Amino acid sequence: MVPVECFYVLSALLFFIGVFGFITRRNLISMLISVELILNSVDINFAAFNRILYPGEMEGFFFSLFSIGVSAAETAVALAIIINVYRNFHSDRVDSIENLKN
């Protein structure tokens, strides 16, 4: 049996890698992957807290499944936006979106 603290460490590691990647990257696809890492760390926390607070019940797992569904929808919309930006500006860099302000 894996201790719950290992899940917390993994979740924190994924969260900080995602935040670091989101802040430092300027490529839209890399930023999307970083957001997905952050959402995956949240899913791990849902499951880990469910194991501690409600060991016999499944609320945390249902929240995780709901969050995975929302993440899939968010990824589909984000990829559609990125494809549209690439078609209009021929670049997938965040700097190219600066032209939308004018």
C-alpha atoms as a PDB file:
ATOM      1  CA  MET A   1       0.000   0.000   0.000  1.00  0.00           C
ATOM      2  CA  VAL A   2       1.426   3.357  -1.057  1.00  0.00           C
ATOM      3  CA  PRO A   3       1.299   6.026   1.671  1.00  0.00           C
ATOM      4  CA  VAL A   4      -0.940   9.015   0.997  1.00  0.00           C
ATOM      5  CA  GLU A   5       1.974  11.398   1.528  1.00  0.00           C
ATOM      6  CA  CYS A   6       3.551  10.084  -1.681  1.00  0.00           C
ATOM      7  CA  PHE A   7       0.451  11.180  -3.581  1.00  0.00           C
ATOM      8  CA  TYR A   8       0.671  14.624  -1.998  1.00  0.00           C
ATOM      9  CA  VAL A   9       4.324  14.952  -2.998  1.00  0.00           C
ATOM     10  CA  LEU A  10       3.554  13.820  -6.544  1.00  0.00           C
ATOM     11  CA  SER A  11       0.650  16.239  -6.760  1.00  0.00           C
ATOM     12  CA  ALA A  12       2.729  19.153  -5.481  1.00  0.00           C
ATOM     13  CA  LEU A  13       5.531  18.299  -7.901  1.00  0.00           C
ATOM     14  CA  LEU A  14       3.134  18.178 -10.862  1.00  0.00           C
ATOM     15  CA  PHE A  15       1.518  21.433  -9.773  1.00  0.00           C
ATOM     16  CA  PHE A  16       4.796  23.342  -9.506  1.00  0.00           C
ATOM     17  CA  ILE A  17       6.117  21.913 -12.783  1.00  0.00           C
ATOM     18  CA  GLY A  18       2.875  23.041 -14.427  1.00  0.00           C
ATOM     19  CA  VAL A  19       3.041  26.538 -12.947  1.00  0.00           C
ATOM     20  CA  PHE A  20       6.715  26.883 -13.888  1.00  0.00           C
ATOM     21  CA  GLY A  21       5.996  25.704 -17.430  1.00  0.00           C
ATOM     22  CA  PHE A  22       3.058  28.073 -17.796  1.00  0.00           C
ATOM     23  CA  ILE A  23       5.062  31.064 -16.603  1.00  0.00           C
ATOM     24  CA  THR A  24       8.248  30.401 -18.565  1.00  0.00           C
ATOM     25  CA  ARG A  25       6.925  29.109 -21.907  1.00  0.00           C
ATOM     26  CA  ARG A  26       5.732  31.302 -24.754  1.00  0.00           C
ATOM     27  CA  ASN A  27       4.471  28.508 -26.992  1.00  0.00           C
ATOM     28  CA  LEU A  28       0.690  28.037 -26.773  1.00  0.00           C
ATOM     29  CA  ILE A  29       0.876  24.236 -26.932  1.00  0.00           C
ATOM     30  CA  SER A  30       3.460  24.143 -24.118  1.00  0.00           C
ATOM     31  CA  MET A  31       1.263  26.403 -22.032  1.00  0.00           C
ATOM     32  CA  LEU A  32      -1.715  24.113 -22.633  1.00  0.00           C
ATOM     33  CA  ILE A  33       0.314  21.088 -21.533  1.00  0.00           C
ATOM     34  CA  SER A  34       1.316  22.984 -18.383  1.00  0.00           C
ATOM     35  CA  VAL A  35      -2.329  23.726 -17.578  1.00  0.00           C
ATOM     36  CA  GLU A  36      -3.120  20.040 -18.050  1.00  0.00           C
ATOM     37  CA  LEU A  37      -0.359  19.149 -15.565  1.00  0.00           C
ATOM     38  CA  ILE A  38      -1.939  21.493 -13.033  1.00  0.00           C
ATOM     39  CA  LEU A  39      -5.361  19.916 -13.556  1.00  0.00           C
ATOM     40  CA  ASN A  40      -3.888  16.411 -13.203  1.00  0.00           C
ATOM     41  CA  SER A  41      -2.361  17.397  -9.871  1.00  0.00           C
ATOM     42  CA  VAL A  42      -5.821  18.491  -8.729  1.00  0.00           C
ATOM     43  CA  ASP A  43      -7.239  15.105  -9.751  1.00  0.00           C
ATOM     44  CA  ILE A  44      -4.578  13.311  -7.721  1.00  0.00           C
ATOM     45  CA  ASN A  45      -5.450  15.480  -4.710  1.00  0.00           C
ATOM     46  CA  PHE A  46      -9.152  14.651  -5.071  1.00  0.00           C
ATOM     47  CA  ALA A  47      -8.382  10.940  -4.977  1.00  0.00           C
ATOM     48  CA  ALA A  48      -5.869  11.253  -2.115  1.00  0.00           C
ATOM     49  CA  PHE A  49      -8.168  13.355   0.065  1.00  0.00           C
ATOM     50  CA  ASN A  50     -11.004  10.930  -0.619  1.00  0.00           C
ATOM     51  CA  ARG A  51      -8.804   8.108   0.634  1.00  0.00           C
ATOM     52  CA  ILE A  52      -8.117   9.981   3.907  1.00  0.00           C
ATOM     53  CA  LEU A  53     -11.508  11.588   4.618  1.00  0.00           C
ATOM     54  CA  TYR A  54     -13.960   9.017   3.210  1.00  0.00           C
ATOM     55  CA  PRO A  55     -12.138   5.694   2.859  1.00  0.00           C
ATOM     56  CA  GLY A  56     -15.186   3.628   1.959  1.00  0.00           C
ATOM     57  CA  GLU A  57     -16.884   6.091  -0.371  1.00  0.00           C
ATOM     58  CA  MET A  58     -16.211   7.327  -3.892  1.00  0.00           C
ATOM     59  CA  GLU A  59     -16.875  11.097  -3.855  1.00  0.00           C
ATOM     60  CA  GLY A  60     -13.269  12.043  -4.619  1.00  0.00           C
ATOM     61  CA  PHE A  61     -13.119   9.658  -7.524  1.00  0.00           C
ATOM     62  CA  PHE A  62     -16.325  11.065  -8.996  1.00  0.00           C
ATOM     63  CA  PHE A  63     -14.917  14.579  -8.653  1.00  0.00           C
ATOM     64  CA  SER A  64     -11.793  13.350 -10.423  1.00  0.00           C
ATOM     65  CA  LEU A  65     -13.832  11.889 -13.283  1.00  0.00           C
ATOM     66  CA  PHE A  66     -15.820  15.113 -13.584  1.00  0.00           C
ATOM     67  CA  SER A  67     -12.602  17.128 -13.593  1.00  0.00           C
ATOM     68  CA  ILE A  68     -11.120  14.890 -16.293  1.00  0.00           C
ATOM     69  CA  GLY A  69     -14.221  15.491 -18.427  1.00  0.00           C
ATOM     70  CA  VAL A  70     -13.956  19.246 -17.943  1.00  0.00           C
ATOM     71  CA  SER A  71     -10.249  19.058 -18.797  1.00  0.00           C
ATOM     72  CA  ALA A  72     -11.017  17.208 -22.019  1.00  0.00           C
ATOM     73  CA  ALA A  73     -13.565  19.839 -23.036  1.00  0.00           C
ATOM     74  CA  GLU A  74     -11.160  22.634 -22.124  1.00  0.00           C
ATOM     75  CA  THR A  75      -8.413  21.010 -24.183  1.00  0.00           C
ATOM     76  CA  ALA A  76     -10.680  20.690 -27.223  1.00  0.00           C
ATOM     77  CA  VAL A  77     -11.670  24.358 -27.044  1.00  0.00           C
ATOM     78  CA  ALA A  78      -8.084  25.475 -26.422  1.00  0.00           C
ATOM     79  CA  LEU A  79      -6.786  23.451 -29.377  1.00  0.00           C
ATOM     80  CA  ALA A  80      -9.460  24.979 -31.616  1.00  0.00           C
ATOM     81  CA  ILE A  81      -8.379  28.462 -30.506  1.00  0.00           C
ATOM     82  CA  ILE A  82      -4.692  27.623 -31.038  1.00  0.00           C
ATOM     83  CA  ILE A  83      -5.403  26.282 -34.535  1.00  0.00           C
ATOM     84  CA  ASN A  84      -7.354  29.451 -35.370  1.00  0.00           C
ATOM     85  CA  VAL A  85      -4.516  31.655 -34.072  1.00  0.00           C
ATOM     86  CA  TYR A  86      -2.007  29.653 -36.108  1.00  0.00           C
ATOM     87  CA  ARG A  87      -4.098  30.027 -39.266  1.00  0.00           C
ATOM     88  CA  ASN A  88      -4.389  33.788 -38.825  1.00  0.00           C
ATOM     89  CA  PHE A  89      -0.884  34.655 -37.602  1.00  0.00           C
ATOM     90  CA  HIS A  90       1.211  31.675 -38.852  1.00  0.00           C
ATOM     91  CA  SER A  91       2.729  31.336 -35.412  1.00  0.00           C
ATOM     92  CA  ASP A  92       1.908  29.545 -32.192  1.00  0.00           C
ATOM     93  CA  ARG A  93       3.749  32.018 -29.982  1.00  0.00           C
ATOM     94  CA  VAL A  94       1.978  34.149 -27.381  1.00  0.00           C
ATOM     95  CA  ASP A  95       3.685  37.225 -28.806  1.00  0.00           C
ATOM     96  CA  SER A  96       1.726  36.856 -32.047  1.00  0.00           C
ATOM     97  CA  ILE A  97      -1.559  37.301 -30.162  1.00  0.00           C
ATOM     98  CA  GLU A  98      -0.452  40.781 -29.092  1.00  0.00           C
ATOM     99  CA  ASN A  99      -1.707  41.926 -32.519  1.00  0.00           C
ATOM    100  CA  LEU A 100      -5.281  41.186 -31.424  1.00  0.00           C
ATOM    101  CA  LYS A 101      -5.222  44.119 -28.987  1.00  0.00           C
ATOM    102  CA  ASN A 102      -5.179  46.700 -31.770  1.00  0.00           C
END
